[in-house]
Protein backbone atom coordinates (compact mmCIF):
# COMPACT_ATOMS: atom_id res chain seq x y z
CA MET A 1 53.23 26.07 34.70
CA LYS A 2 54.34 27.83 31.60
CA LYS A 3 53.79 25.85 28.46
CA LEU A 4 56.77 25.55 26.17
CA ALA A 5 57.25 24.89 22.47
CA LEU A 6 56.80 21.23 21.52
CA VAL A 7 59.57 18.77 20.76
CA THR A 8 60.28 15.06 20.93
CA SER A 9 62.90 12.41 21.56
CA VAL A 10 63.72 8.71 21.23
CA ILE A 11 62.92 5.37 22.85
CA VAL A 12 63.90 1.74 22.56
CA ALA A 13 62.87 -1.57 21.11
CA GLY A 14 64.55 -4.73 20.26
CA LEU A 15 63.73 -8.42 20.04
CA VAL A 16 65.86 -11.44 20.57
CA GLY A 17 66.42 -13.56 17.50
CA SER A 18 67.15 -12.92 13.89
CA ALA A 19 65.29 -10.66 11.53
CA VAL A 20 62.19 -9.25 13.26
CA THR A 21 59.41 -7.50 11.33
CA PRO A 22 58.63 -4.26 13.09
CA ALA A 23 55.10 -4.29 14.63
CA ALA A 24 54.10 -1.20 12.67
CA SER A 25 55.49 -2.34 9.33
CA ALA A 26 52.14 -3.10 7.79
CA LYS A 27 51.27 0.62 8.08
CA GLU A 28 54.64 2.03 7.13
CA ALA A 29 54.14 2.36 3.37
CA ALA A 30 54.67 6.15 3.35
CA VAL A 31 58.49 6.09 3.69
CA PRO A 32 61.01 8.53 2.33
CA ALA A 33 62.19 8.00 -1.23
CA ALA A 34 65.64 6.54 -1.47
CA GLY A 35 68.30 9.23 -1.77
CA SER A 36 65.70 11.89 -1.03
CA VAL A 37 67.77 14.09 1.35
CA ASP A 38 68.05 17.62 -0.11
CA TRP A 39 71.62 18.51 0.95
CA SER A 40 72.90 22.05 1.10
CA PRO A 41 75.90 23.72 2.79
CA CYS A 42 75.32 24.22 6.52
CA PRO A 43 75.02 27.80 7.77
CA ASP A 44 78.13 29.52 8.97
CA ASN A 45 76.66 30.29 12.40
CA ASP A 46 74.30 27.67 13.72
CA PRO A 47 72.13 29.07 16.66
CA VAL A 48 73.38 26.29 18.97
CA LEU A 49 76.66 24.97 17.38
CA GLY A 50 78.11 28.19 16.00
CA ASN A 51 80.72 27.44 13.33
CA MET A 52 81.13 23.77 14.30
CA LEU A 53 79.20 22.77 11.14
CA LYS A 54 81.71 24.32 8.85
CA ASP A 55 82.45 22.16 5.73
CA LEU A 56 79.35 20.03 6.42
CA GLU A 57 76.19 19.62 4.43
CA CYS A 58 72.82 19.97 6.12
CA GLY A 59 69.55 18.24 5.31
CA SER A 60 66.44 16.80 6.89
CA VAL A 61 64.13 13.77 6.82
CA ARG A 62 60.39 13.83 7.56
CA VAL A 63 59.08 10.98 9.70
CA PRO A 64 55.78 10.20 11.48
CA LEU A 65 55.53 11.30 15.05
CA ASP A 66 53.79 8.05 15.64
CA HIS A 67 55.19 5.32 13.41
CA ALA A 68 52.02 3.30 13.82
CA ASP A 69 50.13 6.17 12.10
CA PRO A 70 52.28 7.11 9.09
CA GLY A 71 49.54 9.29 7.66
CA GLY A 72 49.41 11.39 10.78
CA ARG A 73 51.53 14.29 12.04
CA LYS A 74 55.04 14.48 10.69
CA ILE A 75 58.21 15.76 12.39
CA SER A 76 61.55 16.78 10.88
CA LEU A 77 64.92 15.29 11.82
CA ALA A 78 68.01 17.40 11.25
CA LEU A 79 70.94 15.69 9.57
CA THR A 80 74.54 16.58 8.53
CA ARG A 81 76.88 14.94 6.17
CA ALA A 82 80.61 14.81 5.38
CA THR A 83 80.93 13.06 1.99
CA HIS A 84 83.56 10.55 1.13
CA THR A 85 86.71 11.89 -0.55
CA ALA A 86 88.11 8.55 -1.72
CA PRO A 87 87.40 7.55 -5.27
CA ASP A 88 84.00 6.07 -5.85
CA SER A 89 85.60 2.68 -6.39
CA GLU A 90 86.75 2.75 -2.70
CA TYR A 91 83.38 4.14 -1.36
CA ARG A 92 82.10 1.98 1.62
CA GLY A 93 78.74 3.54 2.26
CA ALA A 94 77.28 5.68 5.08
CA VAL A 95 78.13 5.66 8.74
CA VAL A 96 75.40 7.02 11.01
CA LEU A 97 76.88 8.51 14.26
CA ASN A 98 75.24 9.02 17.67
CA ARG A 99 77.10 10.29 20.72
CA GLY A 100 74.40 9.49 23.27
CA GLN A 101 74.88 11.67 26.25
CA TRP A 102 72.23 10.26 28.68
CA PRO A 103 70.39 10.47 25.98
CA GLY A 104 69.58 13.89 24.43
CA GLY A 105 72.95 14.80 22.88
CA ILE A 106 73.09 16.84 19.74
CA GLY A 107 74.90 14.94 17.03
CA ARG A 108 75.06 17.26 14.00
CA ASP A 109 78.68 18.35 14.69
CA LEU A 110 80.13 14.79 14.67
CA PRO A 111 80.81 14.01 10.92
CA VAL A 112 83.59 16.43 10.38
CA ARG A 113 85.77 14.94 13.03
CA TYR A 114 85.60 11.43 11.60
CA ALA A 115 85.98 12.49 7.98
CA GLN A 116 89.07 14.60 8.71
CA GLY A 117 90.74 12.06 10.93
CA THR A 118 90.90 14.21 14.09
CA THR A 119 89.44 11.40 16.17
CA GLY A 120 92.35 9.13 15.57
CA LEU A 121 90.67 7.20 12.75
CA ALA A 122 92.94 6.14 9.89
CA ARG A 123 92.60 8.71 7.11
CA ASP A 124 91.94 6.12 4.43
CA VAL A 125 88.95 4.85 6.46
CA GLY A 126 87.64 8.33 7.10
CA ALA A 127 87.90 9.06 3.35
CA ALA A 128 85.95 6.06 2.28
CA TYR A 129 82.65 6.73 3.96
CA ASP A 130 79.93 9.30 4.07
CA TRP A 131 79.64 10.37 7.73
CA ILE A 132 76.13 11.23 8.91
CA GLY A 133 75.27 13.10 12.06
CA PHE A 134 71.69 13.72 13.31
CA ASP A 135 69.77 15.23 16.18
CA PRO A 136 67.32 12.51 17.36
CA ARG A 137 63.64 13.46 17.56
CA GLY A 138 63.10 15.99 20.36
CA VAL A 139 66.79 17.02 20.30
CA GLY A 140 68.52 20.18 19.14
CA ALA A 141 67.43 21.24 15.59
CA SER A 142 65.07 18.28 15.13
CA GLU A 143 61.34 18.60 15.82
CA PRO A 144 59.92 19.11 18.21
CA ALA A 145 62.67 20.58 20.60
CA VAL A 146 61.55 19.49 24.05
CA VAL A 147 62.13 21.85 26.95
CA CYS A 148 60.24 21.61 30.22
CA ASP A 149 60.20 23.70 33.51
CA SER A 150 63.40 25.63 33.25
CA ASP A 151 63.63 26.18 36.99
CA TYR A 152 64.40 22.57 37.79
CA VAL A 153 67.95 22.32 36.38
CA TYR A 154 70.35 25.01 35.38
CA PRO A 155 67.88 27.78 36.50
CA GLY A 156 70.48 30.62 36.66
CA HIS A 157 70.36 30.76 40.48
CA ALA A 158 71.66 28.47 43.17
CA GLN A 159 69.52 25.30 43.52
CA PRO A 160 68.77 23.66 46.83
CA ASP A 161 71.54 21.54 48.36
CA PRO A 162 71.58 18.26 46.46
CA VAL A 163 72.19 16.27 49.73
CA PRO A 164 68.92 16.62 51.72
CA GLY A 165 69.81 17.27 55.40
CA THR A 166 66.22 17.10 56.58
CA PRO A 167 63.04 15.46 55.51
CA ALA A 168 61.69 18.97 54.62
CA ALA A 169 64.74 19.56 52.35
CA GLU A 170 64.21 16.21 50.59
CA GLN A 171 60.46 16.96 50.15
CA GLU A 172 61.38 20.31 48.55
CA TRP A 173 63.36 18.34 45.85
CA VAL A 174 60.54 15.79 45.44
CA ASP A 175 57.98 18.59 44.95
CA ARG A 176 60.27 20.25 42.35
CA ALA A 177 60.76 16.90 40.48
CA ARG A 178 56.96 16.38 40.42
CA ALA A 179 56.42 19.90 39.14
CA TYR A 180 58.99 19.33 36.38
CA ALA A 181 57.27 16.13 35.24
CA GLU A 182 53.93 17.88 35.26
CA SER A 183 55.32 20.73 33.19
CA CYS A 184 56.47 18.19 30.58
CA GLY A 185 53.05 16.68 30.42
CA ASP A 186 51.36 20.08 30.22
CA ALA A 187 53.54 21.13 27.35
CA TYR A 188 53.73 17.93 25.31
CA GLY A 189 50.85 15.71 26.36
CA ASP A 190 50.52 12.53 24.31
CA THR A 191 53.67 13.40 22.39
CA LEU A 192 55.69 12.00 25.34
CA GLU A 193 54.44 8.54 24.28
CA HIS A 194 56.52 8.83 21.10
CA LEU A 195 59.89 9.91 22.47
CA GLY A 196 61.47 6.57 23.37
CA THR A 197 64.31 4.58 21.84
CA GLU A 198 62.05 2.36 19.76
CA ASP A 199 60.78 5.48 18.01
CA ALA A 200 64.36 6.54 17.44
CA ALA A 201 65.27 3.16 15.97
CA ARG A 202 62.42 3.48 13.50
CA ASP A 203 63.64 6.98 12.66
CA LEU A 204 67.05 5.53 12.03
CA ASP A 205 65.65 3.22 9.38
CA ARG A 206 63.83 6.07 7.74
CA ILE A 207 67.21 7.90 7.60
CA ARG A 208 68.79 4.81 5.98
CA ILE A 209 66.09 4.77 3.29
CA ALA A 210 66.40 8.52 2.71
CA LEU A 211 70.20 8.14 2.31
CA GLY A 212 69.65 5.54 -0.42
CA GLN A 213 71.45 2.82 1.57
CA GLU A 214 70.54 -0.84 1.42
CA ARG A 215 72.48 -1.21 4.75
CA ILE A 216 74.14 1.25 7.04
CA THR A 217 77.15 1.18 9.25
CA TYR A 218 76.54 2.60 12.69
CA PHE A 219 78.74 4.06 15.43
CA GLY A 220 77.09 4.73 18.81
CA THR A 221 78.37 5.78 22.14
CA ASP A 222 76.68 5.77 25.56
CA TRP A 223 72.88 5.79 24.96
CA GLY A 224 73.75 5.48 21.31
CA THR A 225 74.77 1.86 22.11
CA TYR A 226 71.32 1.05 23.26
CA LEU A 227 69.79 2.70 20.12
CA GLY A 228 72.13 0.59 18.02
CA SER A 229 71.27 -2.56 19.88
CA VAL A 230 67.54 -1.87 19.40
CA TYR A 231 68.01 -1.05 15.78
CA ALA A 232 70.06 -4.19 15.12
CA SER A 233 67.42 -6.27 16.84
CA MET A 234 64.55 -4.71 14.77
CA TYR A 235 66.38 -4.40 11.43
CA PRO A 236 69.22 -6.96 11.49
CA HIS A 237 69.44 -7.25 7.69
CA ARG A 238 69.90 -3.46 7.42
CA VAL A 239 73.19 -3.40 9.36
CA ASN A 240 76.52 -3.51 7.53
CA ARG A 241 78.77 -3.00 10.52
CA MET A 242 78.13 -1.64 13.97
CA VAL A 243 80.51 -0.18 16.61
CA LEU A 244 79.09 0.16 20.13
CA ASP A 245 81.34 2.05 22.54
CA SER A 246 80.69 2.29 26.34
CA VAL A 247 77.71 -0.06 26.27
CA VAL A 248 74.41 0.34 28.10
CA ARG A 249 73.16 -2.73 30.01
CA PRO A 250 69.89 -3.59 28.23
CA SER A 251 68.24 -5.43 31.19
CA GLY A 252 68.90 -2.49 33.53
CA VAL A 253 67.47 0.29 31.44
CA GLY A 254 65.57 2.61 33.78
CA TYR A 255 66.01 2.83 37.51
CA ARG A 256 68.53 -0.04 37.98
CA ASN A 257 71.10 1.52 35.64
CA ASN A 258 70.64 4.94 37.15
CA LEU A 259 71.17 3.54 40.67
CA ASP A 260 74.36 1.67 39.66
CA LYS A 261 76.00 4.97 38.67
CA ASN A 262 76.26 5.93 42.31
CA VAL A 263 78.96 3.30 42.98
CA THR A 264 80.84 3.76 39.70
CA SER A 265 80.85 7.54 40.12
CA GLU A 266 82.38 7.19 43.55
CA HIS A 267 85.09 4.86 42.21
CA ASN A 268 86.10 7.17 39.41
CA ALA A 269 85.98 10.21 41.74
CA GLY A 270 88.60 8.40 43.73
CA ILE A 271 90.75 7.99 40.62
CA PHE A 272 90.55 11.75 40.06
CA PHE A 273 91.45 12.61 43.62
CA ALA A 274 94.41 10.28 43.47
CA TRP A 275 95.59 11.87 40.22
CA VAL A 276 95.36 15.37 41.77
CA ALA A 277 97.38 14.16 44.77
CA GLU A 278 100.23 13.06 42.39
CA TYR A 279 100.59 16.73 41.38
CA ASP A 280 100.52 18.40 44.79
CA ASP A 281 103.33 20.62 43.60
CA VAL A 282 100.93 22.10 41.07
CA TYR A 283 97.64 22.11 42.91
CA HIS A 284 98.61 22.13 46.61
CA LEU A 285 95.51 20.11 47.53
CA GLY A 286 97.20 17.27 49.36
CA THR A 287 99.48 14.37 48.76
CA THR A 288 96.90 11.60 49.17
CA ALA A 289 93.47 11.02 47.64
CA ALA A 290 91.85 11.48 51.05
CA GLU A 291 93.43 14.89 51.52
CA VAL A 292 92.27 16.06 48.05
CA GLU A 293 88.76 14.61 48.66
CA ALA A 294 88.56 16.54 51.96
CA ASN A 295 89.45 19.71 50.14
CA TYR A 296 86.78 18.98 47.49
CA TYR A 297 84.06 18.88 50.17
CA ARG A 298 85.67 21.84 51.96
CA GLY A 299 85.08 23.79 48.78
CA GLN A 300 81.46 22.59 48.44
CA ASP A 301 80.83 23.45 52.13
CA ALA A 302 81.97 27.00 51.51
CA LEU A 303 79.29 27.38 48.74
CA ARG A 304 76.74 25.74 50.91
CA ALA A 305 77.31 28.56 53.43
CA ALA A 306 77.36 31.38 50.79
CA PRO A 307 76.60 30.63 47.13
CA LEU A 308 78.94 32.45 44.74
CA ASP A 309 77.16 35.40 43.13
CA GLY A 310 73.90 33.85 44.27
CA GLU A 311 74.29 31.41 41.32
CA ILE A 312 76.81 28.75 42.28
CA GLY A 313 75.98 26.71 45.43
CA PRO A 314 76.69 23.07 46.40
CA SER A 315 74.44 21.74 43.59
CA GLU A 316 76.20 23.75 40.88
CA TRP A 317 79.57 22.73 42.39
CA ALA A 318 78.64 19.12 41.86
CA ASP A 319 77.57 19.92 38.27
CA VAL A 320 80.93 21.57 37.62
CA PHE A 321 82.86 18.49 38.80
CA GLU A 322 80.60 15.80 37.45
CA PRO A 323 82.61 15.53 34.24
CA VAL A 324 85.72 14.29 35.98
CA VAL A 325 84.19 10.80 36.50
CA TYR A 326 83.35 10.53 32.80
CA ARG A 327 86.26 12.18 30.96
CA SER A 328 89.91 12.43 32.15
CA TRP A 329 90.63 15.29 29.72
CA THR A 330 88.56 17.49 32.01
CA TRP A 331 90.85 16.84 35.00
CA ILE A 332 93.33 19.62 34.43
CA SER A 333 90.73 22.32 34.12
CA ARG A 334 88.67 20.95 37.11
CA ALA A 335 91.78 20.58 39.33
CA LYS A 336 92.58 24.20 38.68
CA VAL A 337 89.06 25.21 39.67
CA LEU A 338 89.43 23.21 42.91
CA SER A 339 92.85 24.68 43.70
CA ASP A 340 91.97 28.27 42.86
CA TRP A 341 88.80 28.07 45.00
CA VAL A 342 90.13 26.21 48.06
CA VAL A 343 93.78 27.18 48.12
CA ARG A 344 93.84 30.67 46.50
CA ASN A 345 90.39 31.84 47.38
CA ASP A 346 90.08 32.89 43.73
CA PRO A 347 86.60 32.32 42.25
CA ALA A 348 87.46 33.26 38.65
CA SER A 349 88.01 29.69 37.27
CA LEU A 350 84.88 28.48 39.17
CA ARG A 351 82.79 31.17 37.46
CA ALA A 352 84.32 30.24 34.06
CA GLY A 353 83.72 26.51 34.70
CA TYR A 354 80.08 26.96 35.50
CA SER A 355 77.91 26.60 32.31
CA ALA A 356 75.26 29.31 32.12
CA PRO A 357 71.77 27.86 31.64
CA GLY A 358 70.47 27.72 28.12
CA PHE A 359 68.69 25.69 25.52
CA PRO A 360 71.19 22.85 25.06
CA HIS A 361 71.26 22.07 28.78
CA GLN A 362 67.52 22.31 29.27
CA ASN A 363 66.83 20.31 26.07
CA ARG A 364 69.29 17.61 26.98
CA HIS A 365 67.85 17.09 30.44
CA ALA A 366 64.34 17.14 29.20
CA MET A 367 65.09 14.57 26.51
CA THR A 368 67.08 12.45 28.88
CA ASN A 369 63.99 12.12 31.04
CA ALA A 370 61.62 11.78 28.05
CA VAL A 371 63.54 8.79 26.87
CA ASN A 372 64.70 7.13 30.09
CA CYS A 373 61.38 7.53 31.90
CA VAL A 374 59.62 5.39 29.40
CA ASP A 375 62.36 3.02 28.25
CA GLY A 376 62.31 1.05 31.45
CA PRO A 377 60.64 0.85 34.89
CA TRP A 378 61.03 3.43 37.71
CA PRO A 379 59.50 3.20 41.20
CA ARG A 380 56.49 5.40 41.68
CA ASP A 381 56.74 5.21 45.43
CA TRP A 382 59.26 7.80 46.62
CA ASP A 383 59.96 5.75 49.75
CA ARG A 384 61.84 3.30 47.53
CA TRP A 385 64.09 6.12 46.18
CA HIS A 386 64.69 7.51 49.64
CA THR A 387 65.74 4.06 50.91
CA ASP A 388 68.01 3.20 47.96
CA TYR A 389 69.77 6.57 47.61
CA SER A 390 70.17 7.05 51.39
CA ARG A 391 71.72 3.65 51.59
CA HIS A 392 74.17 4.35 48.82
CA HIS A 393 75.06 7.73 50.24
CA ASP A 394 75.50 6.42 53.73
CA ALA A 395 77.71 3.59 52.41
CA GLY A 396 80.27 6.19 51.32
CA ASN A 397 79.07 6.97 47.77
CA ARG A 398 78.93 10.73 48.42
CA PHE A 399 80.17 12.21 45.17
CA LEU A 400 77.17 12.14 42.93
CA THR A 401 74.52 9.90 44.55
CA TRP A 402 71.94 12.54 45.32
CA THR A 403 72.80 14.60 42.26
CA ASN A 404 72.03 11.42 40.25
CA ALA A 405 68.77 10.99 42.15
CA TRP A 406 67.50 14.45 41.38
CA TYR A 407 68.45 14.19 37.68
CA GLY A 408 66.25 11.16 37.29
CA ALA A 409 63.64 11.94 39.91
CA PRO A 410 61.03 13.22 37.42
CA CYS A 411 60.66 9.65 36.32
CA ALA A 412 58.92 8.87 39.57
CA PHE A 413 56.05 11.19 38.44
CA TRP A 414 56.34 10.93 34.64
CA PRO A 415 52.99 11.59 32.92
CA VAL A 416 53.13 8.48 30.64
CA PRO A 417 53.78 4.95 31.81
CA ALA A 418 57.12 3.26 31.49
CA GLN A 419 57.73 0.18 29.55
CA LYS A 420 59.62 -2.99 30.37
CA PRO A 421 63.22 -2.91 28.94
CA LYS A 422 63.15 -4.20 25.38
CA LYS A 423 64.73 -7.55 24.81
CA VAL A 424 67.59 -7.06 22.33
CA GLY A 425 69.96 -9.52 20.61
CA ASN A 426 70.71 -11.36 17.40
CA GLY A 427 72.83 -14.23 16.25
CA THR A 428 74.10 -12.80 12.96
CA VAL A 429 74.63 -9.06 13.14
CA ASP A 430 78.22 -7.99 12.72
CA VAL A 431 79.06 -5.99 15.95
CA LEU A 432 82.24 -4.65 17.57
CA LEU A 433 81.91 -3.72 21.19
CA VAL A 434 84.41 -1.26 22.79
CA GLN A 435 84.34 -0.98 26.54
CA PRO A 436 86.45 0.92 29.11
CA GLU A 437 86.95 -1.14 32.23
CA PHE A 438 85.86 1.64 34.64
CA ASP A 439 82.98 3.18 32.71
CA THR A 440 81.03 5.37 35.14
CA ALA A 441 77.85 5.49 33.16
CA HIS A 442 77.61 1.67 32.57
CA GLY A 443 80.42 -0.28 34.26
CA VAL A 444 81.37 -3.39 32.21
CA ALA A 445 78.18 -5.22 32.81
CA GLY A 446 76.47 -3.65 29.74
CA ALA A 447 79.19 -4.77 27.40
CA VAL A 448 79.29 -8.27 28.85
CA GLU A 449 75.53 -8.67 28.59
CA THR A 450 75.31 -7.20 25.12
CA HIS A 451 78.22 -9.40 23.94
CA ALA A 452 76.20 -12.47 25.06
CA LEU A 453 72.98 -11.25 23.40
CA PHE A 454 74.63 -10.49 20.03
CA ARG A 455 76.31 -13.82 19.49
CA ASN A 456 78.28 -12.58 16.47
CA SER A 457 79.83 -9.72 18.33
CA ARG A 458 83.43 -9.12 19.41
CA LEU A 459 84.43 -7.31 22.63
CA VAL A 460 87.53 -5.20 23.01
CA LEU A 461 88.12 -4.25 26.64
CA GLU A 462 90.18 -1.19 27.59
CA LYS A 463 92.04 -2.23 30.79
CA GLY A 464 92.09 0.59 33.27
CA GLY A 465 90.00 2.81 30.95
CA HIS A 466 87.71 5.25 32.69
CA ASN A 467 86.43 7.52 29.84
CA VAL A 468 82.94 7.12 28.42
CA GLY A 469 83.58 6.98 24.63
CA ALA A 470 86.88 5.10 24.61
CA ALA A 471 87.68 4.90 20.91
CA LEU A 472 88.05 7.67 18.30
CA SER A 473 87.86 10.42 20.95
CA ALA A 474 89.99 12.76 23.00
CA ASN A 475 90.92 9.61 24.88
CA ASN A 476 93.41 9.01 22.07
CA ASN A 477 94.06 5.31 22.52
CA PRO A 478 95.86 4.04 19.36
CA CYS A 479 95.22 0.46 20.21
CA LEU A 480 91.50 0.99 20.35
CA ASN A 481 91.51 3.22 17.32
CA ASP A 482 93.30 0.55 15.29
CA TYR A 483 90.75 -2.12 16.16
CA VAL A 484 87.92 0.22 15.15
CA GLY A 485 89.71 1.41 11.98
CA ASP A 486 90.49 -2.15 10.81
CA TYR A 487 86.93 -3.16 11.42
CA LEU A 488 85.52 -0.20 9.47
CA ARG A 489 88.06 -0.66 6.73
CA ASP A 490 87.41 -4.30 5.83
CA GLY A 491 85.50 -5.99 8.65
CA THR A 492 88.53 -7.32 10.49
CA ARG A 493 87.76 -8.21 14.10
CA PRO A 494 89.59 -10.13 16.90
CA ALA A 495 89.12 -13.87 16.93
CA SER A 496 86.36 -15.06 19.29
CA ARG A 497 87.48 -16.31 22.67
CA LYS A 498 86.02 -16.68 26.18
CA GLY A 499 85.44 -13.32 27.92
CA ALA A 500 86.84 -10.30 26.18
CA ASP A 501 88.00 -11.15 22.70
CA ALA A 502 90.89 -8.59 22.84
CA THR A 503 92.30 -6.07 25.30
CA CYS A 504 94.02 -2.64 25.09
CA GLN A 505 95.75 -0.85 27.88
CA ALA A 506 94.31 2.54 28.74
CA SER A 507 96.11 5.64 27.55
CA ALA A 508 98.18 7.57 30.06
CA ASP A 509 96.38 10.12 32.19
CA PRO A 510 96.90 13.79 31.43
CA VAL A 511 99.97 15.65 32.75
CA PRO A 512 99.51 19.31 33.93
CA ALA A 513 101.95 21.96 33.15
CA PRO A 514 104.35 22.72 36.00
């Protein structure tokens, strides 16, 4: 298997209770100097992000690959900054941002959106902070940039059908997943041991020190909520304020959380199909959710019989439509793809909607596995996977069940052992939880559990919400944005009460042009 350039990622740790001294602290004398980031204007044309870093400053922080061996190999973390524009008398410190994305998401583009108020954050709040984006270890421009066997996902040609119709078809996927895991081990060896969330949490504290901040404010979404939970458990006295949006269930990290997505994905696919049916005069796909769903599978079946251009088959079709269960602002574009392909027999929008393979996709998938496969337990016996995913699919969860299985399947063969999910929690850290009611990635269980573990937290529930990343996003929910803005401005939070401490109604779904 071809060996690829080395890179790393992020794992998890957290302990119940108040301040916890990190296990490696006795050896962590070689830390960055306070205020030691050498900032300079970001390049006009970033190799991955293009001009998205315009108006930001770029810098880096050196950290140990192994935090237990601070004198050993160092890696570099890539950072960006949008500085505060308010008078220094109104400066409120630094906010470190992490978008998650299963994990493995690049984060260097985030600061400009918050600083300029394009997220719906009140401008006075955006102006009062320095906004810090970063690519976690193993991701994007940080070192090393992990990429494994490029033939497993997004290979540039049609993959096997994600729904295995025969034992031989399932075995083909299993063999491919095993080969992918082996390729990661061949390329990165022992480095894979240092790509978990606990490593990322220690990196986050090194970033804090390099920024010259006694305490940081943190805003994390999706996997970023788990990173925040772990950091707040390890370094509770280094947290000023913390916003966790679309919250990972700590006790389910690993196989359990991945399995749960099969049911939530099916539920939210049904929401999408029902929305398309409301606009039958635009899309002509049916007046009921069931009719639209039938046309969705009709379109996939056509690609199963004859992949488009030899590149887009049933697996790629599932990839194109996967975003609809996570983000409603993709509905209009994906409904057009479905209508054009099924009703008009026009493949142009399907071609346009299919992302060509490349570094960001390969890197994100590799780092998703590098983190998830070690953060929590995964069955090593494929019979368990076969039983569970067959049961979910046969129970009517057709939309993404087997796609989810193959995305995480390398964890069954990962070259380094998994850990038990870290216990997280604290009684004093100031936390605001924001949770959409129908969160495909996490449900509401993650927010409820984290709310109980962080006893000084407050939970704002978005009733009817079904977008991962509910606040300060394209979701554009003024109620949620106000809660987050007020909290970041002066610490204001809802009063504590049983269950959710406050609720917001979800924003209206998109409306297509006639």
